[in-house]
Amino acid sequence: MAVFTEVTQAEAQALLSRLDLGTLSSLRGITAGIENTNYFASSERGDYVLTVFERLSFEQLPFYLRLMQHLARKGVAVPDPQADATGEILHSIQGKPAAVVNRLRGGHQLAPDLFHCEQVGAGLARLHLAGQDFPLQQANLRGLAWWRETVPVVLPYLDASQAELISAELAFQNALAASAEYAELPRGPIHADLFRDNVMFDGLPGRERLSGFFDFYFAGVDSFAFDLSVCINDWCIDLASGRLDEQRAQAFVNAYEGVRPLSGAEHRLLPGMLRAAALRFWISRLWDFHLPRDAALLKPHDPTHFERVLRARIAEPWHALKD
């Protein structure tokens, strides 16, 4: 993530010592993303990611960290928060919340094919099943309520066509969320941000295997169909146009259903949920782009990408039902 908080070697070492993780050998800021401060930290005990949370509070963070811990204990490949001698996994640096997790092996697959989409689809379904008995509750903080609050804030930065689109889509999503069929959607803890750069693969080119999902700090309780739609809108599209690659999308859904079959309501509402996922990230990118925060290595994402994705999902609705 972008570096908002400059962590010193001494501060990082103090935290590693508290966690009995050995002597710090390297500390390097991570430039990707715009939400938290992340560093790669290494010691003789292993490789870790040190996160300083810039928006989430001490009160909010137990949900995310305990969810990761819960999933790791269930055998889902996710970073496992490191505990001190008392079992505490939420720490502090410069008065801000902080955590240390183990670093996943491998690298990103930024040009996925069917092979990668199938692995992520099955892995997402396993995550959804493993989280069903997680006891803590927290809403998706970037869900519909946040869209309603944020659209008026970004509207002044849009041209007439964009303003018309975002207002009409918000109205559509309000109506969809009020429907009886929407209330039937299975729900539970979701990742909510499982883009290509939040997934790791390890192995030889052409034979890579999924090594894990990370960056759970947008997670919350929401519909599984929304989480699936977030993934499809990133893993299964042509990035230049936003158009869906139907072969990849079908492979992704088929692999997901091989682990957790979708309900009838999930299948019927998938076109609308794909629109919802596109709207969510268009809004958040507009907000980050036009109302940025200071950061040492900040690189806001282009908001027009998800405008194109949303227009494509409206123009060409897609169902995953097999013939």
C-alpha atoms as a PDB file:
ATOM      1  CA  MET A   1       0.000   0.000   0.000  1.00  0.00           C
ATOM      2  CA  ALA A   2       1.045   3.637  -0.164  1.00  0.00           C
ATOM      3  CA  VAL A   3       3.371   4.816   2.598  1.00  0.00           C
ATOM      4  CA  PHE A   4       1.498   7.299   4.782  1.00  0.00           C
ATOM      5  CA  THR A   5       3.360   6.519   8.014  1.00  0.00           C
ATOM      6  CA  GLU A   6       7.149   6.347   7.923  1.00  0.00           C
ATOM      7  CA  VAL A   7       8.082   3.418  10.168  1.00  0.00           C
ATOM      8  CA  THR A   8      11.642   3.414  11.468  1.00  0.00           C
ATOM      9  CA  GLN A   9      13.884   0.386  11.749  1.00  0.00           C
ATOM     10  CA  ALA A  10      13.745   0.722  15.544  1.00  0.00           C
ATOM     11  CA  GLU A  11       9.931   0.778  15.586  1.00  0.00           C
ATOM     12  CA  ALA A  12       9.717  -2.269  13.338  1.00  0.00           C
ATOM     13  CA  GLN A  13      12.288  -4.142  15.425  1.00  0.00           C
ATOM     14  CA  ALA A  14      10.425  -3.354  18.635  1.00  0.00           C
ATOM     15  CA  LEU A  15       7.264  -4.893  17.215  1.00  0.00           C
ATOM     16  CA  LEU A  16       9.064  -7.966  15.862  1.00  0.00           C
ATOM     17  CA  SER A  17      10.686  -8.464  19.258  1.00  0.00           C
ATOM     18  CA  ARG A  18       7.321  -8.280  20.983  1.00  0.00           C
ATOM     19  CA  LEU A  19       6.092 -10.998  18.614  1.00  0.00           C
ATOM     20  CA  ASP A  20       9.236 -13.129  19.054  1.00  0.00           C
ATOM     21  CA  LEU A  21       9.967 -12.929  15.319  1.00  0.00           C
ATOM     22  CA  GLY A  22      13.709 -12.391  15.565  1.00  0.00           C
ATOM     23  CA  THR A  23      16.074  -9.652  14.401  1.00  0.00           C
ATOM     24  CA  LEU A  24      14.958  -7.374  11.576  1.00  0.00           C
ATOM     25  CA  SER A  25      17.176  -7.799   8.522  1.00  0.00           C
ATOM     26  CA  SER A  26      15.281  -5.646   6.010  1.00  0.00           C
ATOM     27  CA  LEU A  27      12.360  -3.213   5.903  1.00  0.00           C
ATOM     28  CA  ARG A  28      10.919  -1.945   2.622  1.00  0.00           C
ATOM     29  CA  GLY A  29       7.832   0.153   1.930  1.00  0.00           C
ATOM     30  CA  ILE A  30       5.250  -1.261  -0.500  1.00  0.00           C
ATOM     31  CA  THR A  31       4.108   1.230  -3.133  1.00  0.00           C
ATOM     32  CA  ALA A  32       0.955  -0.430  -4.502  1.00  0.00           C
ATOM     33  CA  GLY A  33      -2.475   0.628  -3.265  1.00  0.00           C
ATOM     34  CA  ILE A  34      -3.883   3.610  -1.427  1.00  0.00           C
ATOM     35  CA  GLU A  35      -5.480   2.517   1.864  1.00  0.00           C
ATOM     36  CA  ASN A  36      -2.863   1.550   4.457  1.00  0.00           C
ATOM     37  CA  THR A  37       0.868   1.721   5.055  1.00  0.00           C
ATOM     38  CA  ASN A  38       2.540  -1.628   4.310  1.00  0.00           C
ATOM     39  CA  TYR A  39       6.140  -2.745   4.644  1.00  0.00           C
ATOM     40  CA  PHE A  40       7.903  -5.980   3.799  1.00  0.00           C
ATOM     41  CA  ALA A  41       9.826  -6.973   6.926  1.00  0.00           C
ATOM     42  CA  SER A  42      12.271  -9.880   7.057  1.00  0.00           C
ATOM     43  CA  SER A  43      14.136 -11.598   9.861  1.00  0.00           C
ATOM     44  CA  GLU A  44      15.868 -14.927  10.405  1.00  0.00           C
ATOM     45  CA  ARG A  45      12.439 -16.301  11.359  1.00  0.00           C
ATOM     46  CA  GLY A  46      10.856 -15.528   7.987  1.00  0.00           C
ATOM     47  CA  ASP A  47       9.264 -12.902   5.769  1.00  0.00           C
ATOM     48  CA  TYR A  48       6.361 -10.778   6.967  1.00  0.00           C
ATOM     49  CA  VAL A  49       4.143  -7.840   6.059  1.00  0.00           C
ATOM     50  CA  LEU A  50       3.859  -5.046   8.611  1.00  0.00           C
ATOM     51  CA  THR A  51       0.708  -2.949   8.194  1.00  0.00           C
ATOM     52  CA  VAL A  52      -0.096   0.391   9.804  1.00  0.00           C
ATOM     53  CA  PHE A  53      -3.801   1.131   9.400  1.00  0.00           C
ATOM     54  CA  GLU A  54      -4.638   4.643   8.236  1.00  0.00           C
ATOM     55  CA  ARG A  55      -8.442   4.552   8.135  1.00  0.00           C
ATOM     56  CA  LEU A  56      -9.577   1.589  10.195  1.00  0.00           C
ATOM     57  CA  SER A  57      -9.807   2.059  13.950  1.00  0.00           C
ATOM     58  CA  PHE A  58      -8.702  -0.087  16.881  1.00  0.00           C
ATOM     59  CA  GLU A  59     -12.399  -0.900  17.380  1.00  0.00           C
ATOM     60  CA  GLN A  60     -12.978  -2.020  13.779  1.00  0.00           C
ATOM     61  CA  LEU A  61      -9.824  -4.066  13.239  1.00  0.00           C
ATOM     62  CA  PRO A  62     -10.517  -7.157  15.366  1.00  0.00           C
ATOM     63  CA  PHE A  63     -13.108  -8.251  12.776  1.00  0.00           C
ATOM     64  CA  TYR A  64     -10.568  -8.278   9.934  1.00  0.00           C
ATOM     65  CA  LEU A  65      -7.673  -9.773  11.859  1.00  0.00           C
ATOM     66  CA  ARG A  66      -9.740 -12.433  13.605  1.00  0.00           C
ATOM     67  CA  LEU A  67     -11.358 -13.341  10.281  1.00  0.00           C
ATOM     68  CA  MET A  68      -7.937 -13.933   8.757  1.00  0.00           C
ATOM     69  CA  GLN A  69      -6.935 -15.986  11.780  1.00  0.00           C
ATOM     70  CA  HIS A  70     -10.180 -17.987  11.557  1.00  0.00           C
ATOM     71  CA  LEU A  71      -9.708 -18.714   7.848  1.00  0.00           C
ATOM     72  CA  ALA A  72      -6.065 -19.683   8.320  1.00  0.00           C
ATOM     73  CA  ARG A  73      -7.060 -22.145  11.030  1.00  0.00           C
ATOM     74  CA  LYS A  74      -9.638 -23.608   8.635  1.00  0.00           C
ATOM     75  CA  GLY A  75      -6.931 -24.259   6.069  1.00  0.00           C
ATOM     76  CA  VAL A  76      -7.687 -21.352   3.733  1.00  0.00           C
ATOM     77  CA  ALA A  77      -4.462 -19.916   2.301  1.00  0.00           C
ATOM     78  CA  VAL A  78      -4.431 -16.418   3.833  1.00  0.00           C
ATOM     79  CA  PRO A  79      -1.882 -14.448   5.883  1.00  0.00           C
ATOM     80  CA  ASP A  80      -2.010 -15.407   9.549  1.00  0.00           C
ATOM     81  CA  PRO A  81      -1.768 -12.479  12.013  1.00  0.00           C
ATOM     82  CA  GLN A  82       1.146 -12.907  14.405  1.00  0.00           C
ATOM     83  CA  ALA A  83       0.328 -12.891  18.115  1.00  0.00           C
ATOM     84  CA  ASP A  84       2.332 -11.742  21.105  1.00  0.00           C
ATOM     85  CA  ALA A  85       2.742 -13.784  24.295  1.00  0.00           C
ATOM     86  CA  THR A  86      -0.771 -12.836  25.431  1.00  0.00           C
ATOM     87  CA  GLY A  87      -2.403 -13.890  22.132  1.00  0.00           C
ATOM     88  CA  GLU A  88      -2.967 -10.292  21.008  1.00  0.00           C
ATOM     89  CA  ILE A  89      -2.816  -9.785  17.225  1.00  0.00           C
ATOM     90  CA  LEU A  90      -3.649  -6.044  17.103  1.00  0.00           C
ATOM     91  CA  HIS A  91      -0.650  -3.850  17.929  1.00  0.00           C
ATOM     92  CA  SER A  92       0.333  -0.173  17.755  1.00  0.00           C
ATOM     93  CA  ILE A  93       2.944   1.989  15.993  1.00  0.00           C
ATOM     94  CA  GLN A  94       3.035   5.783  16.453  1.00  0.00           C
ATOM     95  CA  GLY A  95      -0.367   5.563  18.126  1.00  0.00           C
ATOM     96  CA  LYS A  96      -1.910   3.905  15.080  1.00  0.00           C
ATOM     97  CA  PRO A  97      -3.204   0.321  14.817  1.00  0.00           C
ATOM     98  CA  ALA A  98      -0.709  -2.135  13.372  1.00  0.00           C
ATOM     99  CA  ALA A  99      -0.423  -5.831  12.588  1.00  0.00           C
ATOM    100  CA  VAL A 100       2.176  -8.274  11.307  1.00  0.00           C
ATOM    101  CA  VAL A 101       1.237 -11.223   9.096  1.00  0.00           C
ATOM    102  CA  ASN A 102       3.289 -13.880   7.350  1.00  0.00           C
ATOM    103  CA  ARG A 103       4.143 -13.068   3.723  1.00  0.00           C
ATOM    104  CA  LEU A 104       2.620 -15.366   1.117  1.00  0.00           C
ATOM    105  CA  ARG A 105       4.851 -17.122  -1.409  1.00  0.00           C
ATOM    106  CA  GLY A 106       5.029 -16.278  -5.089  1.00  0.00           C
ATOM    107  CA  GLY A 107       3.757 -13.331  -7.075  1.00  0.00           C
ATOM    108  CA  HIS A 108       0.744 -11.866  -8.810  1.00  0.00           C
ATOM    109  CA  GLN A 109      -0.775 -13.182 -12.024  1.00  0.00           C
ATOM    110  CA  LEU A 110      -1.785  -9.985 -13.811  1.00  0.00           C
ATOM    111  CA  ALA A 111      -2.704 -11.661 -17.115  1.00  0.00           C
ATOM    112  CA  PRO A 112      -4.891 -14.549 -15.920  1.00  0.00           C
ATOM    113  CA  ASP A 113      -6.127 -17.349 -18.140  1.00  0.00           C
ATOM    114  CA  LEU A 114      -8.746 -20.041 -17.530  1.00  0.00           C
ATOM    115  CA  PHE A 115      -6.334 -21.981 -15.314  1.00  0.00           C
ATOM    116  CA  HIS A 116      -5.876 -19.072 -12.923  1.00  0.00           C
ATOM    117  CA  CYS A 117      -9.565 -18.113 -12.925  1.00  0.00           C
ATOM    118  CA  GLU A 118     -10.592 -21.646 -12.009  1.00  0.00           C
ATOM    119  CA  GLN A 119      -8.219 -21.704  -9.039  1.00  0.00           C
ATOM    120  CA  VAL A 120      -9.394 -18.341  -7.734  1.00  0.00           C
ATOM    121  CA  GLY A 121     -13.049 -19.282  -8.235  1.00  0.00           C
ATOM    122  CA  ALA A 122     -12.678 -22.484  -6.232  1.00  0.00           C
ATOM    123  CA  GLY A 123     -10.587 -20.707  -3.600  1.00  0.00           C
ATOM    124  CA  LEU A 124     -13.209 -17.983  -3.180  1.00  0.00           C
ATOM    125  CA  ALA A 125     -15.908 -20.607  -2.609  1.00  0.00           C
ATOM    126  CA  ARG A 126     -13.749 -22.315   0.030  1.00  0.00           C
ATOM    127  CA  LEU A 127     -13.267 -18.966   1.734  1.00  0.00           C
ATOM    128  CA  HIS A 128     -17.029 -18.350   1.796  1.00  0.00           C
ATOM    129  CA  LEU A 129     -17.732 -21.780   3.274  1.00  0.00           C
ATOM    130  CA  ALA A 130     -14.956 -21.517   5.857  1.00  0.00           C
ATOM    131  CA  GLY A 131     -16.228 -18.166   7.080  1.00  0.00           C
ATOM    132  CA  GLN A 132     -19.812 -19.223   7.683  1.00  0.00           C
ATOM    133  CA  ASP A 133     -19.213 -20.030  11.354  1.00  0.00           C
ATOM    134  CA  PHE A 134     -17.092 -16.942  12.047  1.00  0.00           C
ATOM    135  CA  PRO A 135     -18.730 -15.361  15.114  1.00  0.00           C
ATOM    136  CA  LEU A 136     -17.923 -11.659  14.659  1.00  0.00           C
ATOM    137  CA  GLN A 137     -20.157  -9.335  12.644  1.00  0.00           C
ATOM    138  CA  GLN A 138     -19.305  -6.233  10.669  1.00  0.00           C
ATOM    139  CA  ALA A 139     -21.084  -4.749   7.677  1.00  0.00           C
ATOM    140  CA  ASN A 140     -19.303  -4.151   4.394  1.00  0.00           C
ATOM    141  CA  LEU A 141     -18.155  -0.573   5.073  1.00  0.00           C
ATOM    142  CA  ARG A 142     -17.986   0.160   1.335  1.00  0.00           C
ATOM    143  CA  GLY A 143     -21.491  -1.139   0.697  1.00  0.00           C
ATOM    144  CA  LEU A 144     -24.703   0.595  -0.336  1.00  0.00           C
ATOM    145  CA  ALA A 145     -24.852   2.951   2.645  1.00  0.00           C
ATOM    146  CA  TRP A 146     -21.381   4.272   1.771  1.00  0.00           C
ATOM    147  CA  TRP A 147     -22.347   4.656  -1.899  1.00  0.00           C
ATOM    148  CA  ARG A 148     -25.314   6.801  -0.888  1.00  0.00           C
ATOM    149  CA  GLU A 149     -23.075   9.030   1.226  1.00  0.00           C
ATOM    150  CA  THR A 150     -20.242   9.304  -1.286  1.00  0.00           C
ATOM    151  CA  VAL A 151     -22.000   9.839  -4.626  1.00  0.00           C
ATOM    152  CA  PRO A 152     -23.078  13.413  -3.682  1.00  0.00           C
ATOM    153  CA  VAL A 153     -19.460  14.144  -2.698  1.00  0.00           C
ATOM    154  CA  VAL A 154     -17.989  13.088  -6.063  1.00  0.00           C
ATOM    155  CA  LEU A 155     -20.812  14.387  -8.298  1.00  0.00           C
ATOM    156  CA  PRO A 156     -19.291  17.894  -8.674  1.00  0.00           C
ATOM    157  CA  TYR A 157     -16.222  16.339 -10.332  1.00  0.00           C
ATOM    158  CA  LEU A 158     -18.213  14.525 -13.059  1.00  0.00           C
ATOM    159  CA  ASP A 159     -19.374  15.655 -16.465  1.00  0.00           C
ATOM    160  CA  ALA A 160     -23.065  15.507 -17.345  1.00  0.00           C
ATOM    161  CA  SER A 161     -22.913  12.014 -18.853  1.00  0.00           C
ATOM    162  CA  GLN A 162     -21.036  10.587 -15.888  1.00  0.00           C
ATOM    163  CA  ALA A 163     -23.327  12.288 -13.381  1.00  0.00           C
ATOM    164  CA  GLU A 164     -26.382  10.875 -15.127  1.00  0.00           C
ATOM    165  CA  LEU A 165     -24.883   7.374 -15.152  1.00  0.00           C
ATOM    166  CA  ILE A 166     -23.805   7.313 -11.511  1.00  0.00           C
ATOM    167  CA  SER A 167     -27.123   8.730 -10.287  1.00  0.00           C
ATOM    168  CA  ALA A 168     -29.179   6.302 -12.366  1.00  0.00           C
ATOM    169  CA  GLU A 169     -27.103   3.324 -11.271  1.00  0.00           C
ATOM    170  CA  LEU A 170     -27.355   4.267  -7.615  1.00  0.00           C
ATOM    171  CA  ALA A 171     -31.132   4.397  -8.005  1.00  0.00           C
ATOM    172  CA  PHE A 172     -31.066   0.978  -9.690  1.00  0.00           C
ATOM    173  CA  GLN A 173     -28.996  -0.496  -6.850  1.00  0.00           C
ATOM    174  CA  ASN A 174     -31.285   1.021  -4.205  1.00  0.00           C
ATOM    175  CA  ALA A 175     -34.245  -0.676  -5.861  1.00  0.00           C
ATOM    176  CA  LEU A 176     -32.380  -3.972  -6.238  1.00  0.00           C
ATOM    177  CA  ALA A 177     -31.377  -3.968  -2.560  1.00  0.00           C
ATOM    178  CA  ALA A 178     -35.007  -3.410  -1.554  1.00  0.00           C
ATOM    179  CA  SER A 179     -36.272  -6.416  -3.516  1.00  0.00           C
ATOM    180  CA  ALA A 180     -37.436  -9.675  -1.953  1.00  0.00           C
ATOM    181  CA  GLU A 181     -35.044 -11.686  -4.125  1.00  0.00           C
ATOM    182  CA  TYR A 182     -32.065  -9.661  -2.893  1.00  0.00           C
ATOM    183  CA  ALA A 183     -33.035 -10.549   0.685  1.00  0.00           C
ATOM    184  CA  GLU A 184     -32.727 -14.234  -0.271  1.00  0.00           C
ATOM    185  CA  LEU A 185     -29.061 -13.960  -1.259  1.00  0.00           C
ATOM    186  CA  PRO A 186     -26.772 -16.094   0.934  1.00  0.00           C
ATOM    187  CA  ARG A 187     -24.524 -13.912   3.072  1.00  0.00           C
ATOM    188  CA  GLY A 188     -21.463 -14.166   5.249  1.00  0.00           C
ATOM    189  CA  PRO A 189     -17.950 -12.768   5.572  1.00  0.00           C
ATOM    190  CA  ILE A 190     -16.571 -11.751   2.179  1.00  0.00           C
ATOM    191  CA  HIS A 191     -13.204 -10.453   1.005  1.00  0.00           C
ATOM    192  CA  ALA A 192     -14.816  -7.652  -1.077  1.00  0.00           C
ATOM    193  CA  ASP A 193     -11.562  -6.623  -2.824  1.00  0.00           C
ATOM    194  CA  LEU A 194     -10.112  -9.792  -4.359  1.00  0.00           C
ATOM    195  CA  PHE A 195      -8.410  -8.206  -7.351  1.00  0.00           C
ATOM    196  CA  ARG A 196      -5.503  -9.721  -9.258  1.00  0.00           C
ATOM    197  CA  ASP A 197      -3.014  -7.877  -7.056  1.00  0.00           C
ATOM    198  CA  ASN A 198      -4.516  -9.342  -3.873  1.00  0.00           C
ATOM    199  CA  VAL A 199      -3.887 -12.946  -4.933  1.00  0.00           C
ATOM    200  CA  MET A 200      -0.611 -14.857  -5.040  1.00  0.00           C
ATOM    201  CA  PHE A 201       0.460 -17.765  -7.229  1.00  0.00           C
ATOM    202  CA  ASP A 202       3.599 -19.830  -6.821  1.00  0.00           C
ATOM    203  CA  GLY A 203       5.332 -22.239  -9.184  1.00  0.00           C
ATOM    204  CA  LEU A 204       6.758 -22.529 -12.670  1.00  0.00           C
ATOM    205  CA  PRO A 205       5.202 -20.422 -15.480  1.00  0.00           C
ATOM    206  CA  GLY A 206       2.196 -22.204 -16.876  1.00  0.00           C
ATOM    207  CA  ARG A 207       1.983 -24.424 -13.787  1.00  0.00           C
ATOM    208  CA  GLU A 208       1.380 -21.796 -11.103  1.00  0.00           C
ATOM    209  CA  ARG A 209      -0.696 -22.790  -8.118  1.00  0.00           C
ATOM    210  CA  LEU A 210      -2.750 -20.484  -5.944  1.00  0.00           C
ATOM    211  CA  SER A 211      -0.732 -19.714  -2.814  1.00  0.00           C
ATOM    212  CA  GLY A 212      -3.167 -17.392  -1.111  1.00  0.00           C
ATOM    213  CA  PHE A 213      -5.449 -14.379  -0.799  1.00  0.00           C
ATOM    214  CA  PHE A 214      -4.441 -11.292   1.171  1.00  0.00           C
ATOM    215  CA  ASP A 215      -5.451  -7.701   2.034  1.00  0.00           C
ATOM    216  CA  PHE A 216      -8.674  -8.424   3.918  1.00  0.00           C
ATOM    217  CA  TYR A 217      -9.142  -4.867   5.144  1.00  0.00           C
ATOM    218  CA  PHE A 218     -12.271  -4.236   3.077  1.00  0.00           C
ATOM    219  CA  ALA A 219     -13.865  -7.480   4.274  1.00  0.00           C
ATOM    220  CA  GLY A 220     -17.326  -7.479   5.801  1.00  0.00           C
ATOM    221  CA  VAL A 221     -20.555  -9.389   5.972  1.00  0.00           C
ATOM    222  CA  ASP A 222     -22.362  -9.084   2.649  1.00  0.00           C
ATOM    223  CA  SER A 223     -23.735 -11.285  -0.099  1.00  0.00           C
ATOM    224  CA  PHE A 224     -21.458 -13.932  -1.557  1.00  0.00           C
ATOM    225  CA  ALA A 225     -22.777 -12.920  -4.996  1.00  0.00           C
ATOM    226  CA  PHE A 226     -21.310  -9.442  -4.540  1.00  0.00           C
ATOM    227  CA  ASP A 227     -17.892 -10.928  -3.719  1.00  0.00           C
ATOM    228  CA  LEU A 228     -18.113 -13.191  -6.757  1.00  0.00           C
ATOM    229  CA  SER A 229     -19.032 -10.187  -8.905  1.00  0.00           C
ATOM    230  CA  VAL A 230     -16.063  -8.155  -7.670  1.00  0.00           C
ATOM    231  CA  CYS A 231     -13.816 -11.000  -8.800  1.00  0.00           C
ATOM    232  CA  ILE A 232     -15.455 -11.482 -12.186  1.00  0.00           C
ATOM    233  CA  ASN A 233     -15.164  -7.749 -12.908  1.00  0.00           C
ATOM    234  CA  ASP A 234     -11.394  -7.961 -12.481  1.00  0.00           C
ATOM    235  CA  TRP A 235     -10.301 -11.497 -13.314  1.00  0.00           C
ATOM    236  CA  CYS A 236     -12.569 -12.035 -16.295  1.00  0.00           C
ATOM    237  CA  ILE A 237     -12.507  -8.842 -18.344  1.00  0.00           C
ATOM    238  CA  ASP A 238     -10.609  -7.123 -21.087  1.00  0.00           C
ATOM    239  CA  LEU A 239      -8.878  -4.374 -19.121  1.00  0.00           C
ATOM    240  CA  ALA A 240      -8.794  -1.909 -22.010  1.00  0.00           C
ATOM    241  CA  SER A 241     -12.528  -1.962 -22.734  1.00  0.00           C
ATOM    242  CA  GLY A 242     -14.067  -3.358 -19.558  1.00  0.00           C
ATOM    243  CA  ARG A 243     -15.936  -5.972 -21.582  1.00  0.00           C
ATOM    244  CA  LEU A 244     -16.460  -9.395 -20.078  1.00  0.00           C
ATOM    245  CA  ASP A 245     -14.423 -12.358 -21.288  1.00  0.00           C
ATOM    246  CA  GLU A 246     -17.292 -14.830 -21.103  1.00  0.00           C
ATOM    247  CA  GLN A 247     -15.083 -17.901 -21.356  1.00  0.00           C
ATOM    248  CA  ARG A 248     -13.030 -16.847 -18.340  1.00  0.00           C
ATOM    249  CA  ALA A 249     -16.172 -15.753 -16.459  1.00  0.00           C
ATOM    250  CA  GLN A 250     -17.873 -19.097 -17.040  1.00  0.00           C
ATOM    251  CA  ALA A 251     -14.746 -20.982 -15.963  1.00  0.00           C
ATOM    252  CA  PHE A 252     -14.576 -18.883 -12.793  1.00  0.00           C
ATOM    253  CA  VAL A 253     -18.227 -19.517 -11.891  1.00  0.00           C
ATOM    254  CA  ASN A 254     -18.059 -23.208 -12.770  1.00  0.00           C
ATOM    255  CA  ALA A 255     -15.055 -23.675 -10.474  1.00  0.00           C
ATOM    256  CA  TYR A 256     -16.795 -21.755  -7.697  1.00  0.00           C
ATOM    257  CA  GLU A 257     -19.900 -23.911  -8.074  1.00  0.00           C
ATOM    258  CA  GLY A 258     -17.762 -27.041  -7.923  1.00  0.00           C
ATOM    259  CA  VAL A 259     -17.210 -26.121  -4.264  1.00  0.00           C
ATOM    260  CA  ARG A 260     -20.319 -24.101  -3.384  1.00  0.00           C
ATOM    261  CA  PRO A 261     -23.299 -24.186  -5.804  1.00  0.00           C
ATOM    262  CA  LEU A 262     -25.037 -20.860  -6.347  1.00  0.00           C
ATOM    263  CA  SER A 263     -28.674 -20.453  -5.346  1.00  0.00           C
ATOM    264  CA  GLY A 264     -31.372 -19.564  -7.831  1.00  0.00           C
ATOM    265  CA  ALA A 265     -31.484 -15.993  -6.525  1.00  0.00           C
ATOM    266  CA  GLU A 266     -27.716 -15.674  -6.938  1.00  0.00           C
ATOM    267  CA  HIS A 267     -27.921 -16.776 -10.549  1.00  0.00           C
ATOM    268  CA  ARG A 268     -30.858 -14.508 -11.343  1.00  0.00           C
ATOM    269  CA  LEU A 269     -29.344 -11.424  -9.705  1.00  0.00           C
ATOM    270  CA  LEU A 270     -25.799 -11.901 -10.964  1.00  0.00           C
ATOM    271  CA  PRO A 271     -26.162  -9.290 -13.784  1.00  0.00           C
ATOM    272  CA  GLY A 272     -27.294  -6.699 -11.248  1.00  0.00           C
ATOM    273  CA  MET A 273     -24.585  -7.661  -8.781  1.00  0.00           C
ATOM    274  CA  LEU A 274     -21.928  -7.287 -11.475  1.00  0.00           C
ATOM    275  CA  ARG A 275     -23.222  -3.732 -11.934  1.00  0.00           C
ATOM    276  CA  ALA A 276     -23.128  -3.207  -8.158  1.00  0.00           C
ATOM    277  CA  ALA A 277     -19.492  -4.310  -7.975  1.00  0.00           C
ATOM    278  CA  ALA A 278     -18.531  -1.992 -10.832  1.00  0.00           C
ATOM    279  CA  LEU A 279     -20.345   0.941  -9.209  1.00  0.00           C
ATOM    280  CA  ARG A 280     -18.652   0.359  -5.853  1.00  0.00           C
ATOM    281  CA  PHE A 281     -15.167   0.634  -7.324  1.00  0.00           C
ATOM    282  CA  TRP A 282     -16.019   3.510  -9.639  1.00  0.00           C
ATOM    283  CA  ILE A 283     -17.223   5.497  -6.618  1.00  0.00           C
ATOM    284  CA  SER A 284     -14.211   4.656  -4.457  1.00  0.00           C
ATOM    285  CA  ARG A 285     -11.739   5.454  -7.232  1.00  0.00           C
ATOM    286  CA  LEU A 286     -13.455   8.778  -7.910  1.00  0.00           C
ATOM    287  CA  TRP A 287     -13.198   9.571  -4.216  1.00  0.00           C
ATOM    288  CA  ASP A 288      -9.526   8.621  -3.974  1.00  0.00           C
ATOM    289  CA  PHE A 289      -8.656  10.415  -7.224  1.00  0.00           C
ATOM    290  CA  HIS A 290     -10.421  13.711  -6.572  1.00  0.00           C
ATOM    291  CA  LEU A 291     -10.061  13.836  -2.776  1.00  0.00           C
ATOM    292  CA  PRO A 292      -6.633  12.285  -2.202  1.00  0.00           C
ATOM    293  CA  ARG A 293      -4.694  12.110   1.027  1.00  0.00           C
ATOM    294  CA  ASP A 294      -1.002  12.893   1.361  1.00  0.00           C
ATOM    295  CA  ALA A 295       1.264   9.864   1.094  1.00  0.00           C
ATOM    296  CA  ALA A 296       4.920   9.356   0.376  1.00  0.00           C
ATOM    297  CA  LEU A 297       4.267   6.868  -2.416  1.00  0.00           C
ATOM    298  CA  LEU A 298       0.638   7.464  -3.397  1.00  0.00           C
ATOM    299  CA  LYS A 299      -0.576   6.265  -6.805  1.00  0.00           C
ATOM    300  CA  PRO A 300      -4.374   6.619  -7.095  1.00  0.00           C
ATOM    301  CA  HIS A 301      -6.100   4.337  -9.592  1.00  0.00           C
ATOM    302  CA  ASP A 302      -7.788   5.648 -12.742  1.00  0.00           C
ATOM    303  CA  PRO A 303     -11.531   5.936 -11.969  1.00  0.00           C
ATOM    304  CA  THR A 304     -12.578   5.819 -15.641  1.00  0.00           C
ATOM    305  CA  HIS A 305     -11.688   2.122 -15.758  1.00  0.00           C
ATOM    306  CA  PHE A 306     -14.686   1.166 -13.645  1.00  0.00           C
ATOM    307  CA  GLU A 307     -16.892   3.640 -15.453  1.00  0.00           C
ATOM    308  CA  ARG A 308     -16.162   1.580 -18.583  1.00  0.00           C
ATOM    309  CA  VAL A 309     -16.798  -1.668 -16.696  1.00  0.00           C
ATOM    310  CA  LEU A 310     -20.152  -0.394 -15.430  1.00  0.00           C
ATOM    311  CA  ARG A 311     -21.242   0.760 -18.878  1.00  0.00           C
ATOM    312  CA  ALA A 312     -20.260  -2.638 -20.293  1.00  0.00           C
ATOM    313  CA  ARG A 313     -22.202  -4.555 -17.587  1.00  0.00           C
ATOM    314  CA  ILE A 314     -25.304  -2.438 -18.313  1.00  0.00           C
ATOM    315  CA  ALA A 315     -25.024  -2.779 -22.089  1.00  0.00           C
ATOM    316  CA  GLU A 316     -24.351  -6.527 -22.047  1.00  0.00           C
ATOM    317  CA  PRO A 317     -25.899  -8.291 -19.014  1.00  0.00           C
ATOM    318  CA  TRP A 318     -24.375 -11.704 -18.362  1.00  0.00           C
ATOM    319  CA  HIS A 319     -25.828 -14.810 -16.754  1.00  0.00           C
ATOM    320  CA  ALA A 320     -23.743 -17.777 -15.691  1.00  0.00           C
ATOM    321  CA  LEU A 321     -26.496 -20.377 -16.076  1.00  0.00           C
ATOM    322  CA  LYS A 322     -25.299 -23.252 -18.202  1.00  0.00           C
ATOM    323  CA  ASP A 323     -27.431 -24.548 -21.085  1.00  0.00           C
END
